[in-house]
């Protein structure tokens, strides 16, 4: 029987502590094995003999000719796993026992070491890319550039420079030396002074990496404190359909240049950076556009006109929104004795789509201001404008024209499908102004009547949207705030300034709503000047 067959038989019988009871046939074990008895003599020694025991033979003492680290391992702890090198090759050794017999299984791991090292490197790179993706998710362009410079200097080179495209002759740069602080600089430099930089900043799809001789690196791109340069490379940062910028990696003269495998890794990193910077730039552009548009869409801050108090408050349906379907506008009278024109409205829907229609209505009303004295005509022309735009959204509106007449304020109120204006008298009585009308932007003709109301000194008129009355909340979270509750709250506001009334209504509504969702809310209070000595 051959040595391998005999060893397989012993394994199948469990002689070395690894029973194979269900084995249908002898198993040839690929790894060398050394077995020793209780007296220290060799019982088994096959293919490994040439490596570990050139002078040893079965039946002889284990210590004679066997690698010293194996013999020492047996004398120290016979059952523990050991590891050693023989003829330049690494062997982890696993031991098994059966009775007084000890067997060593030797696995040649020499060929596995490069693969294991490559696997470790790839794991490190994967962890680095995951960390980079996490840090680059801020959607802030300045932050993305700083993180990129820090990570690149830390793991890819001795220093890194991130360059953002510019429309003029200046370049926005972020520089970082390994172990140092990030430095932001705006330099007046020509991209063509760095070979490959002008192409990386302007051409899409991106070009490959461009290596630069140390002598061709201009001073403006070298971070302070780096020292002599050995190599540099320009890495394009690809964005969404356009370049996001460029990354320049610098290495000292004492370090080797990138390997081919390292270049692939750098391109993977550059892809993540370019995408993050493109998203951050797009987010910044959208935020700027939103801010510009919101200047005209967000209801204005109201103020006093000719002694008449105007105060307003607005809250969109979502905390993330700045504009919505509710709005109000005040157009003060040009001269004393003329009417100031105020409008409060509610466009069907909420969010940005409703805000677009809101903008159309407000712009149309600004154009119709010369007709502000004729509420019916303004409504008719606004209705025609909405119908001609083929927009399916409609609106409810309240017009209020206010003018001082002695100590009182005369109001002309026109309601077009909106909630009735509420008059708050000094004695706490709350009544509805008698004005009704139909929606704007639905029918070919709009009908509404105008009511004239006189506010005595200290009395107020409240205009509001259904975001107040239809706000759900309360103890169980499912009850409407309602008109009755609003009127009771206003009765307690008799004689208060307009700002205090608006603040009180908003506070009560917020307490009622709690954490529930709600519609857009807009409130406007008009208060006649109080006589001196009154609260």
Protein backbone atom coordinates (compact mmCIF):
# COMPACT_ATOMS: atom_id res chain seq x y z
CA UNK A 1 0.00 0.00 0.00
CA UNK A 2 1.36 3.43 -0.94
CA UNK A 3 2.11 6.10 1.61
CA UNK A 4 -0.87 8.26 0.54
CA UNK A 5 -3.28 5.32 0.61
CA UNK A 6 -2.04 4.25 4.03
CA UNK A 7 -2.41 7.82 5.35
CA UNK A 8 -5.94 8.03 3.92
CA UNK A 9 -6.84 4.77 5.63
CA UNK A 10 -5.60 6.11 8.95
CA UNK A 11 -7.60 9.30 8.47
CA UNK A 12 -10.76 7.36 7.64
CA UNK A 13 -10.31 5.32 10.79
CA UNK A 14 -9.87 8.46 12.88
CA UNK A 15 -6.32 7.64 13.79
CA UNK A 16 -5.33 11.32 13.67
CA UNK A 17 -8.42 12.65 15.38
CA UNK A 18 -10.45 13.46 12.22
CA UNK A 19 -12.96 10.57 11.80
CA UNK A 20 -14.59 10.27 8.38
CA UNK A 21 -17.20 7.65 9.09
CA UNK A 22 -19.33 8.35 6.07
CA UNK A 23 -16.51 8.52 3.52
CA UNK A 24 -17.49 6.28 0.59
CA UNK A 25 -13.87 5.87 -0.50
CA UNK A 26 -10.37 6.73 0.74
CA UNK A 27 -9.64 10.45 0.72
CA UNK A 28 -6.29 11.70 -0.50
CA UNK A 29 -5.23 14.53 1.82
CA UNK A 30 -3.36 17.27 -0.06
CA UNK A 31 -1.38 18.67 2.88
CA UNK A 32 1.81 17.08 4.30
CA UNK A 33 1.56 15.48 7.73
CA UNK A 34 3.92 14.55 10.53
CA UNK A 35 2.80 12.15 13.24
CA UNK A 36 4.65 11.28 16.45
CA UNK A 37 3.95 8.82 19.23
CA UNK A 38 4.12 9.26 22.95
CA UNK A 39 7.80 8.31 22.97
CA UNK A 40 8.59 11.16 20.56
CA UNK A 41 9.37 8.91 17.63
CA UNK A 42 8.07 9.68 14.15
CA UNK A 43 5.12 7.54 13.03
CA UNK A 44 4.32 9.25 9.72
CA UNK A 45 6.40 11.43 7.43
CA UNK A 46 5.76 11.74 3.70
CA UNK A 47 5.97 14.59 1.19
CA UNK A 48 7.17 17.06 3.77
CA UNK A 49 10.34 15.07 4.46
CA UNK A 50 12.39 17.00 1.93
CA UNK A 51 11.38 20.26 3.53
CA UNK A 52 11.39 19.70 7.27
CA UNK A 53 13.27 16.49 8.02
CA UNK A 54 15.98 15.74 5.57
CA UNK A 55 17.65 13.37 8.05
CA UNK A 56 14.57 12.09 9.85
CA UNK A 57 12.88 8.78 9.26
CA UNK A 58 9.86 7.12 10.77
CA UNK A 59 10.73 5.25 13.94
CA UNK A 60 13.44 7.75 14.85
CA UNK A 61 13.15 10.51 17.49
CA UNK A 62 11.25 13.61 16.36
CA UNK A 63 14.03 15.94 17.49
CA UNK A 64 16.53 14.38 15.11
CA UNK A 65 16.55 16.40 11.89
CA UNK A 66 13.04 17.94 12.19
CA UNK A 67 12.79 21.75 12.04
CA UNK A 68 13.60 23.08 15.46
CA UNK A 69 10.41 25.16 15.75
CA UNK A 70 8.30 22.01 15.25
CA UNK A 71 10.20 20.05 17.87
CA UNK A 72 10.04 23.00 20.26
CA UNK A 73 6.30 23.33 19.65
CA UNK A 74 5.81 19.69 20.62
CA UNK A 75 7.82 20.04 23.78
CA UNK A 76 5.99 23.26 24.76
CA UNK A 77 2.32 22.69 24.01
CA UNK A 78 1.66 19.70 21.82
CA UNK A 79 -1.90 20.65 20.91
CA UNK A 80 -1.55 24.29 19.97
CA UNK A 81 -1.26 25.61 16.42
CA UNK A 82 2.15 26.92 15.43
CA UNK A 83 3.63 28.71 12.46
CA UNK A 84 7.12 28.78 11.02
CA UNK A 85 9.24 29.07 7.89
CA UNK A 86 11.13 26.34 6.09
CA UNK A 87 13.34 27.02 3.08
CA UNK A 88 11.78 30.46 2.65
CA UNK A 89 8.23 29.13 2.69
CA UNK A 90 5.62 29.76 5.39
CA UNK A 91 3.77 26.91 7.08
CA UNK A 92 0.89 27.30 9.55
CA UNK A 93 0.69 23.99 11.43
CA UNK A 94 -2.49 22.56 12.98
CA UNK A 95 -2.31 19.72 15.48
CA UNK A 96 -4.70 16.92 16.25
CA UNK A 97 -4.34 14.12 18.81
CA UNK A 98 -5.64 10.66 19.32
CA UNK A 99 -4.53 9.02 22.50
CA UNK A 100 -0.81 9.57 22.82
CA UNK A 101 -0.37 10.19 19.12
CA UNK A 102 0.11 13.78 17.88
CA UNK A 103 -0.23 14.74 14.21
CA UNK A 104 0.90 18.00 12.59
CA UNK A 105 -0.83 19.16 9.40
CA UNK A 106 1.33 21.56 7.38
CA UNK A 107 -0.34 24.01 4.98
CA UNK A 108 1.95 25.83 2.59
CA UNK A 109 0.72 29.46 2.63
CA UNK A 110 3.60 30.97 0.69
CA UNK A 111 1.58 31.34 -2.50
CA UNK A 112 -1.37 32.80 -0.59
CA UNK A 113 0.52 35.73 0.92
CA UNK A 114 0.46 38.02 -2.14
CA UNK A 115 -3.24 37.31 -2.62
CA UNK A 116 -3.96 38.02 1.03
CA UNK A 117 -2.02 41.25 0.82
CA UNK A 118 -3.94 42.31 -2.28
CA UNK A 119 -7.18 41.47 -0.50
CA UNK A 120 -6.14 43.58 2.50
CA UNK A 121 -5.29 46.48 0.19
CA UNK A 122 -8.64 46.24 -1.56
CA UNK A 123 -10.44 46.15 1.77
CA UNK A 124 -8.57 49.25 2.87
CA UNK A 125 -9.42 51.00 -0.38
CA UNK A 126 -13.07 50.00 -0.15
CA UNK A 127 -13.23 51.36 3.40
CA UNK A 128 -11.53 54.56 2.23
CA UNK A 129 -14.01 55.04 -0.63
CA UNK A 130 -16.93 54.38 1.74
CA UNK A 131 -15.55 56.94 4.19
CA UNK A 132 -15.04 59.42 1.36
CA UNK A 133 -18.61 58.94 0.09
CA UNK A 134 -19.94 59.55 3.59
CA UNK A 135 -17.89 62.72 4.13
CA UNK A 136 -18.73 64.06 0.66
CA UNK A 137 -22.49 63.83 1.18
CA UNK A 138 -22.87 67.31 2.70
CA UNK A 139 -24.15 68.94 -0.55
CA UNK A 140 -21.95 71.93 0.29
CA UNK A 141 -19.41 72.71 -2.42
CA UNK A 142 -16.85 74.32 -0.10
CA UNK A 143 -17.07 71.39 2.30
CA UNK A 144 -16.68 68.88 -0.57
CA UNK A 145 -13.51 70.61 -1.77
CA UNK A 146 -12.01 70.68 1.74
CA UNK A 147 -12.80 67.00 2.39
CA UNK A 148 -11.34 66.04 -0.99
CA UNK A 149 -8.08 67.86 -0.32
CA UNK A 150 -7.74 66.34 3.15
CA UNK A 151 -8.47 62.77 2.07
CA UNK A 152 -6.25 62.97 -0.99
CA UNK A 153 -3.31 64.38 0.98
CA UNK A 154 -3.80 61.76 3.67
CA UNK A 155 -4.04 58.65 1.50
CA UNK A 156 -3.03 59.41 -2.10
CA UNK A 157 -0.12 61.84 -2.02
CA UNK A 158 1.97 64.10 0.16
CA UNK A 159 -0.19 67.08 -0.80
CA UNK A 160 -3.35 67.75 -2.79
CA UNK A 161 -4.87 70.74 -4.53
CA UNK A 162 -8.55 70.88 -5.53
CA UNK A 163 -9.33 73.39 -8.27
CA UNK A 164 -12.84 74.55 -9.16
CA UNK A 165 -13.68 75.86 -12.66
CA UNK A 166 -14.01 79.62 -12.97
CA UNK A 167 -15.54 81.87 -15.60
CA UNK A 168 -12.82 84.47 -15.24
CA UNK A 169 -9.08 84.44 -14.78
CA UNK A 170 -9.23 83.45 -11.10
CA UNK A 171 -9.26 79.91 -9.82
CA UNK A 172 -10.75 78.78 -6.52
CA UNK A 173 -8.33 76.35 -4.89
CA UNK A 174 -8.21 74.29 -1.72
CA UNK A 175 -4.75 73.04 -0.71
CA UNK A 176 -3.69 70.59 1.94
CA UNK A 177 -0.36 69.02 2.94
CA UNK A 178 -0.45 65.66 4.69
CA UNK A 179 -0.91 66.26 8.39
CA UNK A 180 -1.59 69.98 7.83
CA UNK A 181 -4.57 72.29 7.70
CA UNK A 182 -6.74 73.05 4.70
CA UNK A 183 -5.92 76.37 3.02
CA UNK A 184 -8.40 78.10 0.72
CA UNK A 185 -6.95 80.42 -1.89
CA UNK A 186 -8.28 82.31 -4.88
CA UNK A 187 -5.40 82.67 -7.31
CA UNK A 188 -5.09 84.75 -10.45
CA UNK A 189 -3.53 82.10 -12.67
CA UNK A 190 -3.78 80.69 -16.15
CA UNK A 191 -4.89 76.99 -16.19
CA UNK A 192 -2.66 76.42 -19.23
CA UNK A 193 0.36 77.00 -16.97
CA UNK A 194 -0.21 73.48 -15.63
CA UNK A 195 -0.05 70.82 -18.36
CA UNK A 196 -3.44 69.15 -18.70
CA UNK A 197 -5.24 71.39 -16.19
CA UNK A 198 -7.07 73.51 -18.77
CA UNK A 199 -8.42 70.37 -20.46
CA UNK A 200 -9.49 68.85 -17.12
CA UNK A 201 -11.43 72.01 -16.24
CA UNK A 202 -13.22 72.48 -19.56
CA UNK A 203 -13.57 69.21 -21.45
CA UNK A 204 -16.17 66.50 -20.92
CA UNK A 205 -16.01 63.50 -20.98
CA UNK A 206 -12.90 63.76 -18.82
CA UNK A 207 -9.44 62.95 -20.08
CA UNK A 208 -7.13 60.48 -18.40
CA UNK A 209 -4.65 61.35 -15.69
CA UNK A 210 -1.87 63.70 -16.81
CA UNK A 211 1.58 63.29 -15.29
CA UNK A 212 3.70 66.40 -14.84
CA UNK A 213 7.43 66.73 -14.50
CA UNK A 214 8.48 68.40 -11.27
CA UNK A 215 10.08 71.24 -13.22
CA UNK A 216 6.76 72.00 -14.96
CA UNK A 217 4.78 72.51 -11.73
CA UNK A 218 4.25 76.28 -11.18
CA UNK A 219 4.78 77.80 -7.76
CA UNK A 220 1.15 78.90 -7.36
CA UNK A 221 -0.06 75.31 -7.21
CA UNK A 222 2.45 74.05 -4.62
CA UNK A 223 1.19 74.25 -1.01
CA UNK A 224 3.46 75.99 1.45
CA UNK A 225 5.69 73.68 3.47
CA UNK A 226 5.63 70.73 1.06
CA UNK A 227 9.28 70.77 0.05
CA UNK A 228 10.89 69.43 -3.16
CA UNK A 229 8.46 67.76 -5.54
CA UNK A 230 9.21 64.41 -7.12
CA UNK A 231 6.06 63.89 -9.17
CA UNK A 232 2.64 65.42 -9.80
CA UNK A 233 -0.48 64.29 -11.58
CA UNK A 234 -3.62 66.16 -12.74
CA UNK A 235 -6.78 64.15 -12.08
CA UNK A 236 -10.01 65.27 -13.81
CA UNK A 237 -13.13 65.28 -11.60
CA UNK A 238 -16.06 64.22 -13.79
CA UNK A 239 -19.44 65.78 -12.98
CA UNK A 240 -22.97 65.44 -14.31
CA UNK A 241 -22.47 66.19 -17.99
CA UNK A 242 -19.69 68.69 -17.31
CA UNK A 243 -16.40 68.73 -15.41
CA UNK A 244 -16.61 69.40 -11.69
CA UNK A 245 -13.00 70.50 -11.37
CA UNK A 246 -9.55 68.98 -11.09
CA UNK A 247 -7.46 67.35 -8.38
CA UNK A 248 -3.67 67.79 -8.44
CA UNK A 249 -1.74 65.21 -6.41
CA UNK A 250 1.83 65.99 -5.41
CA UNK A 251 4.46 63.60 -4.09
CA UNK A 252 7.86 64.38 -2.66
CA UNK A 253 11.03 63.33 -4.40
CA UNK A 254 11.56 60.60 -1.80
CA UNK A 255 8.40 58.71 -2.79
CA UNK A 256 7.71 56.55 -5.81
CA UNK A 257 5.19 57.49 -8.45
CA UNK A 258 1.80 55.80 -8.72
CA UNK A 259 1.54 52.22 -9.89
CA UNK A 260 -0.99 51.25 -12.56
CA UNK A 261 -3.24 49.74 -9.90
CA UNK A 262 -3.01 52.93 -7.82
CA UNK A 263 -4.06 55.02 -10.83
CA UNK A 264 -7.24 52.96 -11.16
CA UNK A 265 -7.98 53.62 -7.50
CA UNK A 266 -7.38 57.36 -7.92
CA UNK A 267 -9.88 57.44 -10.81
CA UNK A 268 -12.48 55.69 -8.62
CA UNK A 269 -11.94 58.30 -5.93
CA UNK A 270 -12.13 61.10 -8.51
CA UNK A 271 -15.45 59.76 -9.78
CA UNK A 272 -16.99 59.98 -6.32
CA UNK A 273 -15.56 63.44 -5.73
CA UNK A 274 -16.75 64.74 -9.10
CA UNK A 275 -20.28 63.49 -8.53
CA UNK A 276 -20.42 64.96 -5.02
CA UNK A 277 -19.16 68.34 -6.23
CA UNK A 278 -21.62 68.36 -9.15
CA UNK A 279 -24.52 67.62 -6.80
CA UNK A 280 -23.33 70.28 -4.35
CA UNK A 281 -23.03 72.86 -7.12
CA UNK A 282 -26.48 71.98 -8.49
CA UNK A 283 -27.95 72.21 -4.99
CA UNK A 284 -26.34 75.63 -4.48
CA UNK A 285 -27.72 76.86 -7.81
CA UNK A 286 -31.22 75.61 -6.99
CA UNK A 287 -31.06 77.15 -3.52
CA UNK A 288 -30.04 80.47 -5.06
CA UNK A 289 -32.89 80.31 -7.58
CA UNK A 290 -35.35 79.41 -4.85
CA UNK A 291 -34.17 82.30 -2.71
CA UNK A 292 -34.53 84.76 -5.59
CA UNK A 293 -38.02 83.52 -6.45
CA UNK A 294 -39.07 83.48 -2.81
CA UNK A 295 -38.39 87.19 -2.53
CA UNK A 296 -41.48 87.82 -4.64
CA UNK A 297 -43.53 84.82 -3.50
CA UNK A 298 -43.20 85.05 0.29
CA UNK A 299 -45.80 87.41 1.78
CA UNK A 300 -44.27 90.78 2.72
CA UNK A 301 -43.81 92.31 6.13
CA UNK A 302 -46.80 94.61 6.72
CA UNK A 303 -46.60 98.00 8.39
CA UNK A 304 -48.75 100.94 9.45
CA UNK A 305 -50.13 103.25 6.78
CA UNK A 306 -51.56 106.68 7.72
CA UNK A 307 -52.01 105.42 11.28
CA UNK A 308 -53.93 102.31 10.21
CA UNK A 309 -52.33 99.18 11.64
CA UNK A 310 -51.69 96.32 9.22
CA UNK A 311 -50.12 93.10 10.48
CA UNK A 312 -49.78 89.71 8.81
CA UNK A 313 -48.49 86.24 9.53
CA UNK A 314 -47.78 83.32 7.20
CA UNK A 315 -46.85 79.68 7.78
CA UNK A 316 -46.46 77.18 4.91
CA UNK A 317 -47.87 73.68 5.20
CA UNK A 318 -44.44 72.02 5.41
CA UNK A 319 -41.47 73.15 7.46
CA UNK A 320 -39.22 72.64 4.42
CA UNK A 321 -41.31 74.98 2.22
CA UNK A 322 -41.00 78.74 2.14
CA UNK A 323 -43.90 79.42 -0.19
CA UNK A 324 -47.32 77.94 -0.81
CA UNK A 325 -50.84 78.70 -1.94
CA UNK A 326 -51.79 81.26 0.73
CA UNK A 327 -50.72 84.85 0.26
CA UNK A 328 -51.42 88.48 1.09
CA UNK A 329 -50.23 91.82 -0.27
CA UNK A 330 -50.55 95.42 0.87
CA UNK A 331 -50.40 98.32 -1.57
CA UNK A 332 -50.30 101.54 0.47
CA UNK A 333 -52.06 104.66 -0.72
CA UNK A 334 -49.84 107.14 -2.54
CA UNK A 335 -51.33 110.15 -0.73
CA UNK A 336 -53.20 110.82 2.48
CA UNK A 337 -56.95 110.46 2.18
CA UNK A 338 -56.70 107.72 -0.47
CA UNK A 339 -57.44 104.07 0.05
CA UNK A 340 -54.76 101.48 0.79
CA UNK A 341 -55.47 98.25 -1.05
CA UNK A 342 -54.96 94.85 0.60
CA UNK A 343 -55.62 91.38 -0.77
CA UNK A 344 -55.58 88.00 0.97
CA UNK A 345 -56.02 84.81 -1.03
CA UNK A 346 -55.86 81.05 -1.05
CA UNK A 347 -54.92 79.12 -4.19
CA UNK A 348 -56.13 75.55 -4.54
CA UNK A 349 -53.35 73.17 -3.49
CA UNK A 350 -50.10 73.81 -1.69
CA UNK A 351 -46.38 73.78 -2.22
CA UNK A 352 -44.46 75.05 -5.23
CA UNK A 353 -47.17 74.41 -7.85
CA UNK A 354 -49.67 76.48 -5.89
CA UNK A 355 -47.01 79.14 -5.32
CA UNK A 356 -46.59 79.52 -9.10
CA UNK A 357 -50.29 80.39 -9.45
CA UNK A 358 -49.95 82.66 -6.43
CA UNK A 359 -47.22 84.55 -8.24
CA UNK A 360 -49.42 84.97 -11.34
CA UNK A 361 -52.27 86.39 -9.26
CA UNK A 362 -50.07 88.78 -7.33
CA UNK A 363 -48.36 90.05 -10.48
CA UNK A 364 -51.72 90.53 -12.21
CA UNK A 365 -53.10 92.46 -9.26
CA UNK A 366 -50.04 94.73 -9.26
CA UNK A 367 -50.73 95.53 -12.89
CA UNK A 368 -54.39 96.28 -12.04
CA UNK A 369 -53.63 98.63 -9.13
CA UNK A 370 -54.87 101.71 -11.04
CA UNK A 371 -58.32 100.04 -10.84
CA UNK A 372 -58.07 99.28 -7.12
CA UNK A 373 -61.03 101.54 -6.35
CA UNK A 374 -63.29 99.17 -8.39
CA UNK A 375 -63.21 95.73 -6.75
CA UNK A 376 -65.72 94.21 -9.17
CA UNK A 377 -63.71 95.19 -12.23
CA UNK A 378 -60.46 93.87 -10.77
CA UNK A 379 -62.14 90.54 -9.99
CA UNK A 380 -63.52 90.26 -13.51
CA UNK A 381 -60.18 90.98 -15.14
CA UNK A 382 -58.28 88.66 -12.79
CA UNK A 383 -60.83 85.91 -13.47
CA UNK A 384 -60.31 86.30 -17.22
CA UNK A 385 -56.56 86.19 -16.80
CA UNK A 386 -56.70 82.93 -14.84
CA UNK A 387 -59.09 81.31 -17.31
CA UNK A 388 -56.90 82.29 -20.27
CA UNK A 389 -53.84 80.66 -18.67
CA UNK A 390 -55.56 77.24 -18.92
CA UNK A 391 -54.48 76.46 -15.39
CA UNK A 392 -56.87 74.15 -13.54
CA UNK A 393 -56.18 75.77 -10.20
CA UNK A 394 -58.61 78.31 -8.79
CA UNK A 395 -58.42 80.78 -5.92
CA UNK A 396 -60.49 82.43 -3.23
CA UNK A 397 -59.83 86.10 -2.45
CA UNK A 398 -60.74 88.94 -0.12
CA UNK A 399 -60.12 92.55 -1.14
CA UNK A 400 -59.93 95.27 1.52
CA UNK A 401 -59.63 99.00 0.78
CA UNK A 402 -58.93 101.04 3.92
CA UNK A 403 -58.91 104.80 4.50
CA UNK A 404 -58.97 107.10 7.52
CA UNK A 405 -62.22 109.05 8.07
CA UNK A 406 -61.80 111.09 11.20
CA UNK A 407 -61.03 108.81 14.14
CA UNK A 408 -62.51 105.82 12.32
CA UNK A 409 -61.32 103.62 9.47
CA UNK A 410 -63.64 102.88 6.58
CA UNK A 411 -63.21 99.45 5.02
CA UNK A 412 -64.60 98.22 1.72
CA UNK A 413 -64.52 94.43 1.80
CA UNK A 414 -65.18 92.15 -1.18
CA UNK A 415 -65.22 88.39 -0.66
CA UNK A 416 -64.73 86.11 -3.70
CA UNK A 417 -65.45 82.59 -2.42
CA UNK A 418 -63.37 83.09 0.69
CA UNK A 419 -64.08 82.79 4.41
CA UNK A 420 -65.95 85.83 5.78
CA UNK A 421 -63.88 88.67 7.29
CA UNK A 422 -64.38 88.97 11.06
CA UNK A 423 -64.93 92.31 12.80
CA UNK A 424 -63.66 92.52 16.39
CA UNK A 425 -65.44 95.27 18.33
CA UNK A 426 -64.11 96.94 21.47
CA UNK A 427 -66.72 95.21 23.64
CA UNK A 428 -65.52 91.76 22.53
CA UNK A 429 -68.28 91.20 20.02
CA UNK A 430 -67.15 89.36 16.87
CA UNK A 431 -69.28 89.62 13.74
CA UNK A 432 -68.96 88.60 10.11
CA UNK A 433 -68.75 91.16 7.34
CA UNK A 434 -71.70 90.70 4.96
CA UNK A 435 -69.88 90.03 1.74
CA UNK A 436 -70.11 86.92 -0.42
CA UNK A 437 -68.90 85.89 -3.85
CA UNK A 438 -67.84 82.98 -6.06
CA UNK A 439 -64.46 81.48 -6.77
CA UNK A 440 -61.97 83.12 -9.13
CA UNK A 441 -60.74 81.15 -12.13
CA UNK A 442 -63.66 78.73 -12.46
CA UNK A 443 -66.62 80.37 -14.19
CA UNK A 444 -66.62 82.80 -17.16
CA UNK A 445 -68.10 85.48 -14.91
CA UNK A 446 -67.33 86.10 -11.27
CA UNK A 447 -69.91 87.65 -8.93
CA UNK A 448 -69.30 89.17 -5.52
CA UNK A 449 -70.77 91.94 -3.39
CA UNK A 450 -68.86 94.61 -1.50
CA UNK A 451 -69.57 95.45 2.14
CA UNK A 452 -68.64 98.73 3.80
CA UNK A 453 -67.54 98.50 7.44
CA UNK A 454 -66.47 101.27 9.82
CA UNK A 455 -63.89 100.43 12.46
CA UNK A 456 -64.02 102.59 15.56
CA UNK A 457 -60.68 103.39 17.24
CA UNK A 458 -59.12 100.15 18.52
CA UNK A 459 -61.46 97.88 16.55
CA UNK A 460 -60.05 95.34 14.12
CA UNK A 461 -60.89 93.28 11.05
CA UNK A 462 -59.33 89.83 10.64
CA UNK A 463 -58.76 88.18 7.26
CA UNK A 464 -57.63 84.54 7.35
CA UNK A 465 -57.41 81.36 5.29
CA UNK A 466 -58.88 77.93 5.95
CA UNK A 467 -55.52 76.75 7.29
CA UNK A 468 -56.79 78.18 10.58
CA UNK A 469 -60.36 76.93 10.71
CA UNK A 470 -59.58 73.52 9.18
CA UNK A 471 -56.53 72.86 11.34
CA UNK A 472 -56.91 69.41 12.93
CA UNK A 473 -55.74 68.78 16.46
CA UNK A 474 -57.01 69.10 19.98
CA UNK A 475 -56.94 66.44 22.72
CA UNK A 476 -57.56 63.55 20.32
CA UNK A 477 -55.89 65.11 17.31
CA UNK A 478 -58.90 64.81 14.98
CA UNK A 479 -61.02 67.91 15.73
CA UNK A 480 -61.10 71.06 13.59
CA UNK A 481 -60.14 74.36 15.14
CA UNK A 482 -63.29 75.81 13.55
CA UNK A 483 -64.81 79.27 13.21
CA UNK A 484 -66.45 79.15 16.62
CA UNK A 485 -63.15 78.60 18.39
CA UNK A 486 -61.57 81.36 16.28
CA UNK A 487 -64.30 83.83 17.18
CA UNK A 488 -63.97 83.01 20.89
CA UNK A 489 -60.24 83.65 20.67
CA UNK A 490 -60.80 86.98 18.90
CA UNK A 491 -63.29 88.07 21.54
CA UNK A 492 -60.41 87.96 24.01
CA UNK A 493 -58.30 90.10 21.67
CA UNK A 494 -60.63 93.13 21.74
CA UNK A 495 -58.62 96.35 21.79
CA UNK A 496 -55.26 94.67 21.13
CA UNK A 497 -52.84 95.95 18.46
CA UNK A 498 -52.96 94.18 15.11
CA UNK A 499 -49.56 92.50 15.67
CA UNK A 500 -50.78 91.03 18.97
CA UNK A 501 -53.96 89.69 17.36
CA UNK A 502 -52.02 87.92 14.57
CA UNK A 503 -49.54 86.46 17.04
CA UNK A 504 -52.35 85.25 19.30
CA UNK A 505 -54.20 83.51 16.48
CA UNK A 506 -51.04 81.80 15.21
CA UNK A 507 -50.10 80.67 18.70
CA UNK A 508 -53.53 79.15 19.42
CA UNK A 509 -53.56 77.38 16.05
CA UNK A 510 -50.06 75.96 16.60
CA UNK A 511 -51.03 74.67 20.06
CA UNK A 512 -54.15 73.08 18.60
CA UNK A 513 -52.33 71.43 15.70
CA UNK A 514 -49.42 70.07 17.73
CA UNK A 515 -47.41 67.66 15.59
CA UNK A 516 -50.19 67.11 13.06
CA UNK A 517 -49.92 68.14 9.43
CA UNK A 518 -51.73 71.27 8.36
CA UNK A 519 -52.49 73.42 5.36
CA UNK A 520 -50.90 76.78 4.58
CA UNK A 521 -51.90 79.47 7.09
CA UNK A 522 -52.21 83.18 6.42
CA UNK A 523 -53.68 85.80 8.75
CA UNK A 524 -53.99 89.60 8.34
CA UNK A 525 -55.33 92.04 10.93
CA UNK A 526 -56.42 95.62 10.18
CA UNK A 527 -56.84 97.85 13.25
CA UNK A 528 -58.08 101.41 13.52
CA UNK A 529 -55.77 103.79 15.39
CA UNK A 530 -56.49 103.74 19.07
CA UNK A 531 -57.32 106.98 20.84
CA UNK A 532 -54.67 108.24 23.21
CA UNK A 533 -55.13 106.77 26.66
CA UNK A 534 -56.66 103.49 25.41
CA UNK A 535 -54.76 100.24 25.45
